[in-house]
C-alpha cells in the first residue's frame, strides 16, 4: 500500500517538507517512489506547492494521504471535501 505523506528536510527549528508517495512501511525520511510537491510551514502564509496531475494520478491508483496531507490537498483545491 502506498501513502502520500510529508518527509522532513531543513535545519534544526527550520522545517521544510517534501510531499512524497512512499510505501506505508517505509520510514518517514526513508525511500520514496515519487516527489509530488513541497510544503514550507515557516513562511507567512505557509507555502504549499503540489503537482495536481501527479497527486490525482496517485490517488486514483489507491494511494492514501495522511491526515495532514489530506487537509493541505483540500485547501489547495486538489481534493473536494
N, C-alpha and C. Protein backbone atom coordinates (compact mmCIF):
# COMPACT_ATOMS: atom_id res chain seq x y z
N UNK A 1 0.84 -1.18 0.00
CA UNK A 1 0.00 0.00 0.00
C UNK A 1 0.88 1.24 0.00
N UNK A 2 0.49 2.23 -0.77
CA UNK A 2 1.25 3.48 -0.83
C UNK A 2 0.51 4.58 -0.09
N UNK A 3 1.30 5.53 0.42
CA UNK A 3 0.75 6.68 1.12
C UNK A 3 1.34 7.95 0.54
N UNK A 4 0.55 9.01 0.57
CA UNK A 4 1.04 10.33 0.22
C UNK A 4 1.29 11.02 1.55
N UNK A 5 2.55 11.37 1.82
CA UNK A 5 2.89 11.94 3.11
C UNK A 5 4.03 12.93 3.00
N UNK A 6 4.39 13.52 4.15
CA UNK A 6 5.46 14.51 4.19
C UNK A 6 6.76 13.85 4.63
N UNK A 7 7.85 14.29 4.06
CA UNK A 7 9.17 13.88 4.51
C UNK A 7 9.93 15.16 4.86
N UNK A 8 10.60 15.16 6.01
CA UNK A 8 11.18 16.39 6.55
C UNK A 8 12.58 16.66 6.01
N UNK A 9 12.80 17.92 5.68
CA UNK A 9 14.11 18.43 5.29
C UNK A 9 14.35 19.70 6.11
N UNK A 10 15.45 20.36 5.91
CA UNK A 10 15.69 21.62 6.59
C UNK A 10 16.52 21.46 7.85
N UNK A 11 16.92 22.61 8.38
CA UNK A 11 17.76 22.63 9.56
C UNK A 11 16.93 22.53 10.83
N UNK A 12 17.63 22.46 11.95
CA UNK A 12 17.00 22.44 13.27
C UNK A 12 16.14 23.69 13.46
N UNK A 13 14.89 23.50 13.84
CA UNK A 13 13.91 24.57 14.05
C UNK A 13 13.56 25.33 12.78
N UNK A 14 13.88 24.79 11.61
CA UNK A 14 13.52 25.40 10.33
C UNK A 14 13.05 24.30 9.39
N UNK A 15 11.90 23.69 9.68
CA UNK A 15 11.46 22.55 8.88
C UNK A 15 11.02 22.96 7.47
N UNK A 16 11.24 22.06 6.56
CA UNK A 16 10.79 22.17 5.18
C UNK A 16 10.43 20.76 4.76
N UNK A 17 9.31 20.59 4.10
CA UNK A 17 8.84 19.24 3.79
C UNK A 17 8.66 19.03 2.30
N UNK A 18 8.87 17.79 1.88
CA UNK A 18 8.50 17.35 0.54
C UNK A 18 7.25 16.51 0.67
N UNK A 19 6.34 16.65 -0.29
CA UNK A 19 5.17 15.78 -0.35
C UNK A 19 5.58 14.62 -1.26
N UNK A 20 5.59 13.41 -0.71
CA UNK A 20 6.08 12.26 -1.46
C UNK A 20 5.07 11.12 -1.43
N UNK A 21 5.21 10.24 -2.40
CA UNK A 21 4.47 8.99 -2.42
C UNK A 21 5.46 7.92 -1.97
N UNK A 22 5.10 7.18 -0.91
CA UNK A 22 6.01 6.18 -0.35
C UNK A 22 5.23 4.96 0.09
N UNK A 23 5.93 3.85 0.22
CA UNK A 23 5.33 2.65 0.79
C UNK A 23 4.95 2.94 2.23
N UNK A 24 3.84 2.40 2.67
CA UNK A 24 3.36 2.70 4.02
C UNK A 24 4.31 2.20 5.10
N UNK A 25 5.10 1.18 4.82
CA UNK A 25 6.00 0.62 5.83
C UNK A 25 7.36 1.30 5.86
N UNK A 26 7.64 2.20 4.93
CA UNK A 26 8.94 2.88 4.89
C UNK A 26 9.02 3.94 5.99
N UNK A 27 10.26 4.26 6.41
CA UNK A 27 10.48 5.29 7.42
C UNK A 27 10.00 6.65 6.90
N UNK A 28 9.80 7.60 7.82
CA UNK A 28 9.34 8.94 7.45
C UNK A 28 10.28 9.59 6.43
N UNK A 29 11.57 9.55 6.69
CA UNK A 29 12.54 10.16 5.79
C UNK A 29 13.26 9.12 4.94
N UNK A 30 12.66 7.95 4.80
CA UNK A 30 13.27 6.86 4.07
C UNK A 30 12.99 6.93 2.57
N UNK A 31 13.11 5.80 1.91
CA UNK A 31 12.92 5.75 0.46
C UNK A 31 11.49 6.09 0.06
N UNK A 32 11.36 6.70 -1.10
CA UNK A 32 10.04 7.06 -1.60
C UNK A 32 9.95 6.74 -3.08
N UNK A 33 8.74 6.74 -3.61
CA UNK A 33 8.51 6.40 -5.01
C UNK A 33 8.63 7.64 -5.89
N UNK A 34 7.99 8.75 -5.46
CA UNK A 34 7.98 9.96 -6.28
C UNK A 34 7.74 11.19 -5.42
N UNK A 35 8.37 12.31 -5.80
CA UNK A 35 8.12 13.60 -5.15
C UNK A 35 7.01 14.29 -5.94
N UNK A 36 5.96 14.72 -5.24
CA UNK A 36 4.86 15.39 -5.95
C UNK A 36 4.66 16.84 -5.52
N UNK A 37 5.42 17.31 -4.53
CA UNK A 37 5.27 18.70 -4.12
C UNK A 37 6.15 19.07 -2.94
N UNK A 38 5.94 20.32 -2.45
CA UNK A 38 6.68 20.83 -1.30
C UNK A 38 5.73 21.56 -0.37
N UNK A 39 6.15 21.70 0.90
CA UNK A 39 5.38 22.40 1.90
C UNK A 39 6.34 23.12 2.83
N UNK A 40 6.18 24.46 2.96
CA UNK A 40 7.02 25.26 3.84
C UNK A 40 6.13 25.95 4.87
N UNK A 41 6.03 25.38 6.09
CA UNK A 41 5.15 25.95 7.10
C UNK A 41 5.68 27.22 7.77
N UNK A 42 6.96 27.52 7.59
CA UNK A 42 7.55 28.67 8.26
C UNK A 42 7.26 30.00 7.57
N UNK A 43 6.88 29.98 6.31
CA UNK A 43 6.54 31.21 5.61
C UNK A 43 5.17 31.68 6.06
N UNK A 44 4.93 32.98 5.98
CA UNK A 44 3.64 33.52 6.40
C UNK A 44 2.99 34.22 5.22
N UNK A 45 1.93 33.72 4.62
CA UNK A 45 1.26 32.46 4.91
C UNK A 45 2.09 31.28 4.40
N UNK A 46 1.75 30.08 4.88
CA UNK A 46 2.52 28.89 4.51
C UNK A 46 2.53 28.72 2.99
N UNK A 47 3.54 28.04 2.49
CA UNK A 47 3.67 27.81 1.05
C UNK A 47 3.51 26.33 0.77
N UNK A 48 2.53 25.99 -0.06
CA UNK A 48 2.26 24.60 -0.42
C UNK A 48 2.16 24.51 -1.93
N UNK A 49 3.06 23.76 -2.53
CA UNK A 49 3.06 23.54 -3.97
C UNK A 49 2.95 22.06 -4.24
N UNK A 50 2.02 21.68 -5.12
CA UNK A 50 1.85 20.27 -5.44
C UNK A 50 1.52 20.15 -6.93
N UNK A 51 2.04 19.11 -7.56
CA UNK A 51 1.72 18.81 -8.94
C UNK A 51 0.35 18.12 -8.95
N UNK A 52 -0.66 18.87 -9.34
CA UNK A 52 -2.05 18.40 -9.28
C UNK A 52 -2.25 17.10 -10.04
N UNK A 53 -1.69 16.99 -11.24
CA UNK A 53 -1.87 15.79 -12.06
C UNK A 53 -1.26 14.56 -11.41
N UNK A 54 -0.05 14.72 -10.85
CA UNK A 54 0.60 13.58 -10.19
C UNK A 54 -0.18 13.16 -8.95
N UNK A 55 -0.67 14.13 -8.18
CA UNK A 55 -1.42 13.81 -6.97
C UNK A 55 -2.70 13.06 -7.32
N UNK A 56 -3.42 13.52 -8.32
CA UNK A 56 -4.66 12.85 -8.73
C UNK A 56 -4.37 11.46 -9.28
N UNK A 57 -3.27 11.31 -10.02
CA UNK A 57 -2.89 10.01 -10.56
C UNK A 57 -2.67 9.00 -9.44
N UNK A 58 -1.91 9.42 -8.41
CA UNK A 58 -1.63 8.52 -7.30
C UNK A 58 -2.88 8.22 -6.48
N UNK A 59 -3.74 9.20 -6.31
CA UNK A 59 -4.99 8.97 -5.58
C UNK A 59 -5.87 7.96 -6.33
N UNK A 60 -5.89 8.05 -7.66
CA UNK A 60 -6.67 7.10 -8.46
C UNK A 60 -6.07 5.70 -8.39
N UNK A 61 -4.77 5.61 -8.17
CA UNK A 61 -4.10 4.31 -8.06
C UNK A 61 -4.18 3.74 -6.64
N UNK A 62 -4.89 4.43 -5.73
CA UNK A 62 -5.12 3.90 -4.41
C UNK A 62 -4.22 4.40 -3.30
N UNK A 63 -3.40 5.40 -3.57
CA UNK A 63 -2.55 5.95 -2.51
C UNK A 63 -3.41 6.70 -1.49
N UNK A 64 -3.14 6.48 -0.21
CA UNK A 64 -3.90 7.12 0.85
C UNK A 64 -3.11 8.29 1.43
N UNK A 65 -3.68 9.51 1.41
CA UNK A 65 -2.97 10.64 2.02
C UNK A 65 -3.05 10.59 3.55
N UNK A 66 -2.02 11.08 4.21
CA UNK A 66 -2.06 11.19 5.67
C UNK A 66 -3.03 12.32 6.02
N UNK A 67 -3.35 12.46 7.28
CA UNK A 67 -4.30 13.48 7.73
C UNK A 67 -3.82 14.88 7.35
N UNK A 68 -2.56 15.17 7.60
CA UNK A 68 -2.00 16.49 7.29
C UNK A 68 -2.02 16.76 5.79
N UNK A 69 -1.58 15.79 5.01
CA UNK A 69 -1.55 15.97 3.56
C UNK A 69 -2.96 16.11 3.00
N UNK A 70 -3.90 15.38 3.55
CA UNK A 70 -5.29 15.47 3.09
C UNK A 70 -5.83 16.88 3.31
N UNK A 71 -5.55 17.48 4.47
CA UNK A 71 -6.00 18.83 4.75
C UNK A 71 -5.36 19.83 3.79
N UNK A 72 -4.06 19.66 3.53
CA UNK A 72 -3.35 20.55 2.61
C UNK A 72 -3.90 20.42 1.19
N UNK A 73 -4.17 19.20 0.75
CA UNK A 73 -4.72 18.98 -0.59
C UNK A 73 -6.12 19.59 -0.72
N UNK A 74 -6.91 19.50 0.35
CA UNK A 74 -8.25 20.11 0.32
C UNK A 74 -8.17 21.61 0.22
N UNK A 75 -7.26 22.22 0.99
CA UNK A 75 -7.10 23.69 0.94
C UNK A 75 -6.57 24.14 -0.42
N UNK A 76 -5.75 23.32 -1.06
CA UNK A 76 -5.19 23.66 -2.37
C UNK A 76 -6.20 23.42 -3.49
N UNK A 77 -7.30 22.74 -3.20
CA UNK A 77 -8.31 22.51 -4.21
C UNK A 77 -8.11 21.23 -5.01
N UNK A 78 -7.17 20.40 -4.61
CA UNK A 78 -6.94 19.15 -5.32
C UNK A 78 -8.03 18.14 -4.97
N UNK A 79 -8.38 18.08 -3.69
CA UNK A 79 -9.46 17.22 -3.24
C UNK A 79 -10.69 18.08 -2.97
N UNK A 80 -11.84 17.51 -3.20
CA UNK A 80 -13.06 18.21 -2.80
C UNK A 80 -13.55 17.57 -1.52
N UNK A 81 -13.88 18.38 -0.56
CA UNK A 81 -14.25 17.90 0.78
C UNK A 81 -15.52 17.09 0.80
